[in-house]
């Protein structure tokens, strides 16, 4: 049961299954991310500045890393500290750049479209004062390169499930 703010995301189920099937394939998480039955859990950053007083948040920073590796080092994908940003009715999933000079640089992995609040009765209540949103994700050009060029731009990824304070729904057109 999700009772705190965070992101649950299975990345791309077929990719994770493929990597786990490799002789040397590994799917690892680095804290505070963890693996769950629904994918990977990334908690909301406590240091995130949040919205200005009286305004809904338009970006959420999550913490942790998922690393997919195999093919004796030829496959090495790191999805670190995902960030969800919204504006103009759509969003972007950004991932911290790996090995760059700017430690705060982020690359757009996926375009996001709000699917609305998660269905009631799905066994995943958000908790008091929380709302859970489902966000459809599709691969960007940068995302295509980050995943090794095996998927095309626009390829669907797993749906993101974001549990956020209910007051933040206004940025997505929710009624909070």
N, C-alpha and C. Protein backbone atom coordinates (compact mmCIF):
# COMPACT_ATOMS: atom_id res chain seq x y z
N UNK A 1 0.84 -1.18 0.00
CA UNK A 1 0.00 0.00 0.00
C UNK A 1 0.89 1.24 0.00
N UNK A 2 0.60 2.18 -0.92
CA UNK A 2 1.35 3.41 -1.01
C UNK A 2 0.76 4.42 -0.04
N UNK A 3 1.53 4.83 0.95
CA UNK A 3 1.04 5.82 1.91
C UNK A 3 1.92 7.05 1.93
N UNK A 4 3.00 7.06 1.19
CA UNK A 4 3.89 8.20 1.13
C UNK A 4 4.09 8.61 -0.32
N UNK A 5 4.54 9.84 -0.51
CA UNK A 5 4.76 10.36 -1.85
C UNK A 5 5.92 9.63 -2.51
N UNK A 6 5.70 9.23 -3.76
CA UNK A 6 6.76 8.55 -4.48
C UNK A 6 6.31 8.12 -5.86
N UNK A 7 7.23 7.51 -6.58
CA UNK A 7 7.02 7.04 -7.95
C UNK A 7 7.18 5.53 -7.99
N UNK A 8 6.21 4.84 -8.58
CA UNK A 8 6.32 3.42 -8.86
C UNK A 8 6.34 3.28 -10.37
N UNK A 9 7.35 2.57 -10.89
CA UNK A 9 7.52 2.48 -12.33
C UNK A 9 8.23 1.18 -12.67
N UNK A 10 7.71 0.45 -13.62
CA UNK A 10 8.31 -0.83 -14.04
C UNK A 10 9.28 -0.65 -15.21
N UNK A 11 9.58 0.57 -15.60
CA UNK A 11 10.48 0.95 -16.70
C UNK A 11 9.86 0.49 -18.03
N UNK A 12 10.19 -0.69 -18.47
CA UNK A 12 9.59 -1.34 -19.65
C UNK A 12 9.67 -2.83 -19.34
N UNK A 13 8.53 -3.43 -19.07
CA UNK A 13 8.50 -4.81 -18.59
C UNK A 13 9.28 -5.77 -19.48
N UNK A 14 9.13 -5.63 -20.80
CA UNK A 14 9.83 -6.55 -21.71
C UNK A 14 11.34 -6.39 -21.62
N UNK A 15 11.82 -5.17 -21.40
CA UNK A 15 13.26 -4.94 -21.26
C UNK A 15 13.78 -5.57 -19.97
N UNK A 16 13.09 -5.35 -18.87
CA UNK A 16 13.51 -5.92 -17.58
C UNK A 16 13.52 -7.44 -17.66
N UNK A 17 12.49 -8.03 -18.26
CA UNK A 17 12.42 -9.49 -18.42
C UNK A 17 13.58 -9.99 -19.27
N UNK A 18 13.88 -9.28 -20.35
CA UNK A 18 14.99 -9.65 -21.23
C UNK A 18 16.32 -9.64 -20.47
N UNK A 19 16.58 -8.55 -19.76
CA UNK A 19 17.85 -8.43 -19.02
C UNK A 19 17.96 -9.53 -17.98
N UNK A 20 16.88 -9.81 -17.25
CA UNK A 20 16.93 -10.85 -16.23
C UNK A 20 17.14 -12.24 -16.83
N UNK A 21 16.82 -12.42 -18.11
CA UNK A 21 17.00 -13.70 -18.77
C UNK A 21 18.40 -13.92 -19.33
N UNK A 22 19.22 -12.88 -19.35
CA UNK A 22 20.59 -13.01 -19.86
C UNK A 22 21.45 -13.79 -18.87
N UNK A 23 22.43 -14.51 -19.38
CA UNK A 23 23.33 -15.28 -18.51
C UNK A 23 24.01 -14.39 -17.48
N UNK A 24 24.37 -13.18 -17.87
CA UNK A 24 25.02 -12.26 -16.94
C UNK A 24 24.15 -11.04 -16.64
N UNK A 25 22.86 -11.13 -16.94
CA UNK A 25 21.96 -10.00 -16.76
C UNK A 25 21.70 -9.69 -15.30
N UNK A 26 21.69 -8.39 -14.99
CA UNK A 26 21.42 -7.95 -13.63
C UNK A 26 20.50 -6.73 -13.66
N UNK A 27 19.53 -6.74 -12.77
CA UNK A 27 18.66 -5.60 -12.54
C UNK A 27 18.83 -5.25 -11.07
N UNK A 28 19.46 -4.12 -10.81
CA UNK A 28 19.78 -3.71 -9.44
C UNK A 28 19.11 -2.39 -9.11
N UNK A 29 18.87 -2.18 -7.83
CA UNK A 29 18.43 -0.88 -7.35
C UNK A 29 19.45 -0.36 -6.35
N UNK A 30 19.60 0.95 -6.33
CA UNK A 30 20.43 1.61 -5.33
C UNK A 30 19.52 2.47 -4.47
N UNK A 31 19.69 2.37 -3.17
CA UNK A 31 18.85 3.08 -2.20
C UNK A 31 18.87 4.57 -2.49
N UNK A 32 17.74 5.18 -2.23
CA UNK A 32 16.57 4.66 -1.55
C UNK A 32 15.54 3.98 -2.47
N UNK A 33 15.85 3.80 -3.75
CA UNK A 33 14.94 3.05 -4.62
C UNK A 33 14.89 1.60 -4.17
N UNK A 34 13.78 0.93 -4.48
CA UNK A 34 13.65 -0.49 -4.14
C UNK A 34 12.75 -1.16 -5.17
N UNK A 35 12.82 -2.47 -5.22
CA UNK A 35 11.99 -3.23 -6.14
C UNK A 35 10.72 -3.65 -5.42
N UNK A 36 9.60 -3.55 -6.12
CA UNK A 36 8.32 -3.97 -5.58
C UNK A 36 7.65 -4.90 -6.59
N UNK A 37 6.52 -5.45 -6.22
CA UNK A 37 5.77 -6.31 -7.14
C UNK A 37 5.28 -5.53 -8.36
N UNK A 38 5.14 -4.22 -8.23
CA UNK A 38 4.65 -3.37 -9.32
C UNK A 38 5.75 -2.71 -10.13
N UNK A 39 7.00 -2.96 -9.81
CA UNK A 39 8.10 -2.33 -10.53
C UNK A 39 9.16 -1.85 -9.56
N UNK A 40 9.50 -0.58 -9.68
CA UNK A 40 10.53 0.01 -8.83
C UNK A 40 9.93 1.23 -8.13
N UNK A 41 10.29 1.40 -6.86
CA UNK A 41 9.78 2.48 -6.03
C UNK A 41 10.88 3.50 -5.82
N UNK A 42 10.56 4.78 -6.11
CA UNK A 42 11.47 5.90 -5.89
C UNK A 42 10.75 6.89 -4.98
N UNK A 43 11.23 7.13 -3.76
CA UNK A 43 10.55 8.08 -2.87
C UNK A 43 10.75 9.52 -3.33
N UNK A 44 9.78 10.37 -3.01
CA UNK A 44 9.88 11.80 -3.29
C UNK A 44 10.99 12.38 -2.43
N UNK A 45 11.81 13.23 -3.03
CA UNK A 45 12.91 13.85 -2.31
C UNK A 45 12.39 14.79 -1.23
N UNK A 46 12.91 14.66 -0.02
CA UNK A 46 12.54 15.55 1.08
C UNK A 46 13.15 16.93 0.88
N UNK A 47 14.20 17.03 0.07
CA UNK A 47 14.88 18.30 -0.15
C UNK A 47 14.30 19.07 -1.32
N UNK A 48 13.31 18.49 -1.99
CA UNK A 48 12.69 19.17 -3.11
C UNK A 48 12.08 20.47 -2.61
N UNK A 49 12.36 21.60 -3.28
CA UNK A 49 11.85 22.87 -2.78
C UNK A 49 10.33 22.99 -2.83
N UNK A 50 9.70 22.23 -3.69
CA UNK A 50 8.24 22.25 -3.75
C UNK A 50 7.72 23.52 -4.40
N UNK A 51 6.43 23.75 -4.30
CA UNK A 51 5.81 24.90 -4.95
C UNK A 51 5.98 26.17 -4.13
N UNK A 52 5.78 27.29 -4.80
CA UNK A 52 5.72 28.56 -4.07
C UNK A 52 4.46 28.53 -3.22
N UNK A 53 4.44 29.32 -2.18
CA UNK A 53 3.29 29.33 -1.27
C UNK A 53 1.99 29.55 -2.04
N UNK A 54 1.03 28.66 -1.82
CA UNK A 54 -0.27 28.79 -2.43
C UNK A 54 -0.37 28.29 -3.86
N UNK A 55 0.69 27.74 -4.42
CA UNK A 55 0.68 27.26 -5.80
C UNK A 55 0.97 25.76 -5.84
N UNK A 56 0.34 25.06 -6.78
CA UNK A 56 0.62 23.62 -6.88
C UNK A 56 2.02 23.39 -7.44
N UNK A 57 2.57 22.28 -7.10
CA UNK A 57 3.89 21.89 -7.59
C UNK A 57 3.79 21.55 -9.07
N UNK A 58 4.83 21.85 -9.85
CA UNK A 58 4.85 21.49 -11.26
C UNK A 58 5.98 20.52 -11.57
N UNK A 59 6.74 20.13 -10.56
CA UNK A 59 7.82 19.15 -10.74
C UNK A 59 8.01 18.37 -9.45
N UNK A 60 8.33 17.10 -9.60
CA UNK A 60 8.58 16.23 -8.46
C UNK A 60 9.89 15.51 -8.68
N UNK A 61 10.78 15.60 -7.70
CA UNK A 61 12.09 14.94 -7.76
C UNK A 61 12.04 13.68 -6.90
N UNK A 62 12.40 12.55 -7.50
CA UNK A 62 12.43 11.28 -6.80
C UNK A 62 13.87 10.81 -6.68
N UNK A 63 14.11 9.91 -5.73
CA UNK A 63 15.48 9.48 -5.43
C UNK A 63 15.68 8.00 -5.65
N UNK A 64 16.89 7.65 -6.03
CA UNK A 64 17.26 6.25 -6.19
C UNK A 64 17.65 5.93 -7.63
N UNK A 65 18.14 4.73 -7.81
CA UNK A 65 18.66 4.31 -9.11
C UNK A 65 18.24 2.89 -9.43
N UNK A 66 17.90 2.66 -10.70
CA UNK A 66 17.72 1.32 -11.24
C UNK A 66 18.80 1.14 -12.29
N UNK A 67 19.50 0.03 -12.22
CA UNK A 67 20.57 -0.24 -13.19
C UNK A 67 20.31 -1.58 -13.86
N UNK A 68 20.33 -1.57 -15.18
CA UNK A 68 20.16 -2.76 -16.00
C UNK A 68 21.48 -3.03 -16.69
N UNK A 69 22.02 -4.24 -16.52
CA UNK A 69 23.31 -4.55 -17.14
C UNK A 69 23.33 -5.98 -17.65
N UNK A 70 24.17 -6.20 -18.65
CA UNK A 70 24.31 -7.52 -19.24
C UNK A 70 25.19 -7.48 -20.46
N UNK A 71 25.25 -8.59 -21.17
CA UNK A 71 26.08 -8.71 -22.37
C UNK A 71 27.53 -8.31 -22.07
N UNK A 72 28.02 -8.72 -20.92
CA UNK A 72 29.39 -8.51 -20.49
C UNK A 72 29.80 -7.04 -20.61
N UNK A 73 28.90 -6.17 -20.18
CA UNK A 73 29.17 -4.74 -20.14
C UNK A 73 28.66 -3.95 -21.33
N UNK A 74 28.26 -4.61 -22.41
CA UNK A 74 27.75 -3.89 -23.58
C UNK A 74 26.39 -3.25 -23.29
N UNK A 75 25.65 -3.83 -22.38
CA UNK A 75 24.37 -3.26 -21.93
C UNK A 75 24.58 -2.72 -20.52
N UNK A 76 24.44 -1.43 -20.36
CA UNK A 76 24.63 -0.81 -19.05
C UNK A 76 23.79 0.47 -18.99
N UNK A 77 22.59 0.34 -18.48
CA UNK A 77 21.64 1.45 -18.43
C UNK A 77 21.42 1.82 -16.97
N UNK A 78 21.58 3.11 -16.68
CA UNK A 78 21.37 3.59 -15.32
C UNK A 78 20.28 4.66 -15.35
N UNK A 79 19.22 4.42 -14.60
CA UNK A 79 18.10 5.35 -14.48
C UNK A 79 18.15 5.92 -13.07
N UNK A 80 18.72 7.11 -12.95
CA UNK A 80 19.01 7.68 -11.63
C UNK A 80 18.19 8.93 -11.35
N UNK A 81 17.67 8.97 -10.13
CA UNK A 81 16.96 10.15 -9.62
C UNK A 81 15.95 10.72 -10.61
N UNK A 82 14.91 9.94 -10.93
CA UNK A 82 13.91 10.43 -11.89
C UNK A 82 13.22 11.70 -11.40
N UNK A 83 12.89 12.54 -12.36
CA UNK A 83 12.19 13.80 -12.08
C UNK A 83 11.03 13.91 -13.05
N UNK A 84 9.86 14.23 -12.54
CA UNK A 84 8.67 14.42 -13.37
C UNK A 84 8.38 15.92 -13.38
N UNK A 85 8.30 16.50 -14.59
CA UNK A 85 7.99 17.92 -14.75
C UNK A 85 6.74 18.06 -15.61
N UNK A 86 5.89 19.04 -15.26
CA UNK A 86 4.66 19.28 -16.01
C UNK A 86 4.50 20.73 -16.38
N UNK A 87 3.87 20.96 -17.51
CA UNK A 87 3.54 22.29 -17.98
C UNK A 87 2.75 22.16 -19.27
N UNK A 88 1.72 22.96 -19.42
CA UNK A 88 0.94 22.96 -20.65
C UNK A 88 0.19 21.67 -20.91
N UNK A 89 -0.18 20.93 -19.87
CA UNK A 89 -0.98 19.73 -20.03
C UNK A 89 -0.23 18.47 -20.36
N UNK A 90 1.10 18.55 -20.44
CA UNK A 90 1.89 17.34 -20.68
C UNK A 90 3.14 17.40 -19.80
N UNK A 91 3.86 16.31 -19.76
CA UNK A 91 5.02 16.26 -18.88
C UNK A 91 6.21 15.56 -19.50
N UNK A 92 7.29 15.54 -18.73
CA UNK A 92 8.53 14.89 -19.14
C UNK A 92 9.11 14.14 -17.95
N UNK A 93 9.60 12.94 -18.21
CA UNK A 93 10.36 12.19 -17.21
C UNK A 93 11.83 12.41 -17.53
N UNK A 94 12.55 13.01 -16.58
CA UNK A 94 13.97 13.28 -16.76
C UNK A 94 14.78 12.36 -15.85
N UNK A 95 15.96 11.98 -16.32
CA UNK A 95 16.88 11.12 -15.58
C UNK A 95 18.20 11.85 -15.44
N UNK A 96 18.83 11.73 -14.29
CA UNK A 96 20.12 12.38 -14.07
C UNK A 96 21.13 11.83 -15.08
N UNK A 97 21.87 12.75 -15.72
CA UNK A 97 22.87 12.35 -16.70
C UNK A 97 24.00 11.59 -16.01
N UNK A 98 24.44 10.53 -16.64
CA UNK A 98 25.49 9.69 -16.07
C UNK A 98 26.84 10.09 -16.64
N UNK A 99 27.78 10.40 -15.76
CA UNK A 99 29.15 10.67 -16.17
C UNK A 99 29.40 12.04 -16.77
N UNK A 100 28.43 12.93 -16.74
CA UNK A 100 28.62 14.25 -17.31
C UNK A 100 29.37 15.17 -16.36
N UNK A 101 29.78 16.30 -16.88
CA UNK A 101 30.51 17.28 -16.06
C UNK A 101 29.60 17.99 -15.07
N UNK A 102 28.35 18.17 -15.46
CA UNK A 102 27.38 18.85 -14.60
C UNK A 102 26.60 17.80 -13.82
N UNK A 103 26.84 17.72 -12.54
CA UNK A 103 26.19 16.70 -11.70
C UNK A 103 24.67 16.87 -11.63
N UNK A 104 24.16 18.05 -11.98
CA UNK A 104 22.72 18.29 -11.93
C UNK A 104 22.05 18.17 -13.30
N UNK A 105 22.82 17.86 -14.34
CA UNK A 105 22.24 17.75 -15.68
C UNK A 105 21.28 16.57 -15.76
N UNK A 106 20.18 16.78 -16.47
CA UNK A 106 19.16 15.74 -16.64
C UNK A 106 18.84 15.61 -18.12
N UNK A 107 18.50 14.39 -18.49
CA UNK A 107 18.13 14.09 -19.87
C UNK A 107 16.67 13.65 -19.92
N UNK A 108 15.93 14.10 -20.93
CA UNK A 108 14.52 13.70 -21.05
C UNK A 108 14.41 12.26 -21.56
N UNK A 109 13.96 11.37 -20.71
CA UNK A 109 13.82 9.96 -21.08
C UNK A 109 12.48 9.69 -21.75
N UNK A 110 11.41 10.31 -21.24
CA UNK A 110 10.07 10.01 -21.75
C UNK A 110 9.17 11.23 -21.71
N UNK A 111 8.27 11.27 -22.69
CA UNK A 111 7.17 12.22 -22.67
C UNK A 111 6.04 11.59 -21.87
N UNK A 112 5.32 12.42 -21.11
CA UNK A 112 4.27 11.92 -20.22
C UNK A 112 2.93 12.57 -20.55
N UNK A 113 1.89 11.76 -20.46
CA UNK A 113 0.52 12.24 -20.63
C UNK A 113 -0.28 11.76 -19.42
N UNK A 114 -0.93 12.70 -18.70
CA UNK A 114 -1.71 12.28 -17.54
C UNK A 114 -2.86 11.37 -17.95
N UNK A 115 -2.98 10.28 -17.21
CA UNK A 115 -4.08 9.36 -17.43
C UNK A 115 -5.16 9.55 -16.39
N UNK A 116 -4.94 10.47 -15.45
CA UNK A 116 -5.92 10.74 -14.40
C UNK A 116 -5.61 9.98 -13.14
N UNK A 117 -6.45 10.15 -12.14
CA UNK A 117 -6.25 9.44 -10.88
C UNK A 117 -6.33 7.94 -11.10
N UNK A 118 -5.54 7.19 -10.37
CA UNK A 118 -5.57 5.73 -10.48
C UNK A 118 -6.96 5.23 -10.12
N UNK A 119 -7.34 4.15 -10.73
CA UNK A 119 -8.68 3.59 -10.52
C UNK A 119 -8.89 3.24 -9.06
N UNK A 120 -10.04 3.60 -8.55
CA UNK A 120 -10.39 3.25 -7.17
C UNK A 120 -10.55 1.74 -7.07
N UNK A 121 -10.22 1.20 -5.94
CA UNK A 121 -10.40 -0.22 -5.71
C UNK A 121 -9.32 -1.08 -6.34
N UNK A 122 -8.21 -0.47 -6.74
CA UNK A 122 -7.15 -1.26 -7.36
C UNK A 122 -6.17 -1.83 -6.34
N UNK A 123 -6.46 -1.64 -5.06
CA UNK A 123 -5.60 -2.19 -4.02
C UNK A 123 -4.42 -1.30 -3.67
N UNK A 124 -4.36 -0.11 -4.22
CA UNK A 124 -3.24 0.77 -3.97
C UNK A 124 -3.71 2.15 -3.52
N UNK A 125 -4.36 2.24 -2.37
CA UNK A 125 -4.81 3.55 -1.90
C UNK A 125 -3.61 4.44 -1.65
N UNK A 126 -3.79 5.72 -1.87
CA UNK A 126 -2.68 6.65 -1.75
C UNK A 126 -2.43 7.11 -0.33
N UNK A 127 -3.37 6.96 0.55
CA UNK A 127 -3.17 7.43 1.91
C UNK A 127 -3.85 8.78 2.10
N UNK A 128 -3.95 9.20 3.35
CA UNK A 128 -4.63 10.44 3.69
C UNK A 128 -3.89 11.62 3.09
N UNK A 129 -4.62 12.49 2.40
CA UNK A 129 -4.02 13.68 1.80
C UNK A 129 -3.19 13.42 0.57
N UNK A 130 -3.22 12.19 0.06
CA UNK A 130 -2.41 11.82 -1.10
C UNK A 130 -3.32 11.45 -2.26
N UNK A 131 -2.82 11.63 -3.47
CA UNK A 131 -3.50 11.19 -4.68
C UNK A 131 -2.50 10.42 -5.53
N UNK A 132 -2.99 9.41 -6.22
CA UNK A 132 -2.12 8.63 -7.10
C UNK A 132 -2.56 8.84 -8.53
N UNK A 133 -1.61 9.24 -9.37
CA UNK A 133 -1.86 9.49 -10.79
C UNK A 133 -1.15 8.45 -11.63
N UNK A 134 -1.78 8.08 -12.74
CA UNK A 134 -1.12 7.22 -13.71
C UNK A 134 -0.73 8.09 -14.89
N UNK A 135 0.52 7.96 -15.33
CA UNK A 135 1.05 8.77 -16.42
C UNK A 135 1.56 7.85 -17.52
N UNK A 136 0.99 7.96 -18.71
CA UNK A 136 1.46 7.19 -19.86
C UNK A 136 2.80 7.77 -20.30
N UNK A 137 3.76 6.90 -20.59
CA UNK A 137 5.11 7.33 -20.95
C UNK A 137 5.50 6.81 -22.32
N UNK A 138 6.14 7.68 -23.12
CA UNK A 138 6.67 7.26 -24.42
C UNK A 138 8.09 7.80 -24.57
N UNK A 139 8.93 7.01 -25.18
CA UNK A 139 10.36 7.28 -25.29
C UNK A 139 10.66 8.53 -26.12
N UNK A 140 11.59 9.35 -25.65
CA UNK A 140 12.07 10.52 -26.39
C UNK A 140 13.31 10.13 -27.19
N UNK A 141 13.84 11.07 -27.96
CA UNK A 141 15.08 10.83 -28.69
C UNK A 141 16.24 10.53 -27.76
N UNK A 142 16.37 11.32 -26.68
CA UNK A 142 17.42 11.05 -25.69
C UNK A 142 17.18 9.69 -25.03
N UNK A 143 15.92 9.39 -24.73
CA UNK A 143 15.58 8.11 -24.12
C UNK A 143 15.97 6.94 -25.00
N UNK A 144 15.76 7.09 -26.30
CA UNK A 144 16.14 6.05 -27.25
C UNK A 144 17.64 5.75 -27.12
N UNK A 145 18.44 6.80 -27.06
CA UNK A 145 19.89 6.61 -26.92
C UNK A 145 20.26 6.03 -25.56
N UNK A 146 19.59 6.50 -24.49
CA UNK A 146 19.87 5.98 -23.15
C UNK A 146 19.61 4.48 -23.05
N UNK A 147 18.61 4.00 -23.80
CA UNK A 147 18.29 2.56 -23.77
C UNK A 147 19.04 1.78 -24.85
N UNK A 148 20.05 2.40 -25.44
CA UNK A 148 20.92 1.68 -26.37
C UNK A 148 20.45 1.66 -27.81
N UNK A 149 19.47 2.46 -28.16
CA UNK A 149 19.02 2.53 -29.55
C UNK A 149 18.16 1.36 -29.99
N UNK A 150 17.74 0.51 -29.07
CA UNK A 150 16.94 -0.66 -29.42
C UNK A 150 15.47 -0.36 -29.64
N UNK A 151 15.02 0.79 -29.17
CA UNK A 151 13.61 1.16 -29.27
C UNK A 151 13.51 2.48 -30.01
N UNK A 152 12.39 2.68 -30.70
CA UNK A 152 12.18 3.91 -31.45
C UNK A 152 11.59 5.02 -30.61
N UNK A 153 11.76 6.24 -31.09
CA UNK A 153 11.13 7.39 -30.45
C UNK A 153 9.61 7.17 -30.46
N UNK A 154 8.97 7.42 -29.34
CA UNK A 154 7.54 7.22 -29.22
C UNK A 154 7.15 5.85 -28.71
N UNK A 155 8.12 4.94 -28.57
CA UNK A 155 7.85 3.59 -28.05
C UNK A 155 7.25 3.71 -26.65
N UNK A 156 6.14 3.03 -26.39
CA UNK A 156 5.55 3.09 -25.06
C UNK A 156 6.45 2.43 -24.01
N UNK A 157 6.56 3.09 -22.87
CA UNK A 157 7.23 2.52 -21.70
C UNK A 157 6.14 2.14 -20.71
N UNK A 158 6.53 1.57 -19.60
CA UNK A 158 5.56 1.24 -18.55
C UNK A 158 4.94 2.52 -18.00
N UNK A 159 3.70 2.42 -17.59
CA UNK A 159 2.99 3.54 -16.99
C UNK A 159 3.63 3.92 -15.66
N UNK A 160 3.78 5.22 -15.43
CA UNK A 160 4.28 5.70 -14.15
C UNK A 160 3.10 5.87 -13.22
N UNK A 161 3.31 5.53 -11.96
CA UNK A 161 2.29 5.70 -10.92
C UNK A 161 2.92 6.63 -9.89
N UNK A 162 2.40 7.86 -9.84
CA UNK A 162 2.97 8.90 -8.99
C UNK A 162 2.00 9.20 -7.85
N UNK A 163 2.44 8.98 -6.63
CA UNK A 163 1.66 9.33 -5.44
C UNK A 163 2.17 10.66 -4.93
N UNK A 164 1.29 11.66 -4.94
CA UNK A 164 1.67 13.02 -4.59
C UNK A 164 0.63 13.61 -3.64
N UNK A 165 1.00 14.70 -2.95
CA UNK A 165 0.01 15.37 -2.12
C UNK A 165 -1.17 15.80 -2.99
N UNK A 166 -2.38 15.61 -2.50
CA UNK A 166 -3.59 15.91 -3.26
C UNK A 166 -3.63 17.35 -3.74
N UNK A 167 -3.06 18.27 -2.98
CA UNK A 167 -3.07 19.69 -3.38
C UNK A 167 -2.32 19.92 -4.68
N UNK A 168 -1.41 19.01 -5.05
CA UNK A 168 -0.62 19.18 -6.26
C UNK A 168 -1.36 18.75 -7.52
N UNK A 169 -2.55 18.18 -7.38
CA UNK A 169 -3.31 17.74 -8.56
C UNK A 169 -3.70 18.90 -9.46
N UNK A 170 -3.80 20.10 -8.96
CA UNK A 170 -4.24 21.24 -9.76
C UNK A 170 -3.36 21.45 -10.98
N UNK A 171 -2.08 21.16 -10.90
CA UNK A 171 -1.18 21.35 -12.04
C UNK A 171 -1.56 20.44 -13.20
N UNK A 172 -2.21 19.32 -12.90
CA UNK A 172 -2.61 18.37 -13.93
C UNK A 172 -4.07 18.50 -14.30
N UNK A 173 -4.71 19.53 -13.77
CA UNK A 173 -6.12 19.73 -14.07
C UNK A 173 -7.04 18.97 -13.13
N UNK A 174 -6.47 18.42 -12.04
CA UNK A 174 -7.30 17.71 -11.06
C UNK A 174 -8.04 18.70 -10.19
N UNK A 175 -8.93 18.17 -9.40
CA UNK A 175 -9.71 19.06 -8.54
C UNK A 175 -9.18 19.12 -7.13
N UNK A 176 -8.10 18.35 -6.86
CA UNK A 176 -7.41 18.37 -5.58
C UNK A 176 -8.30 18.14 -4.46
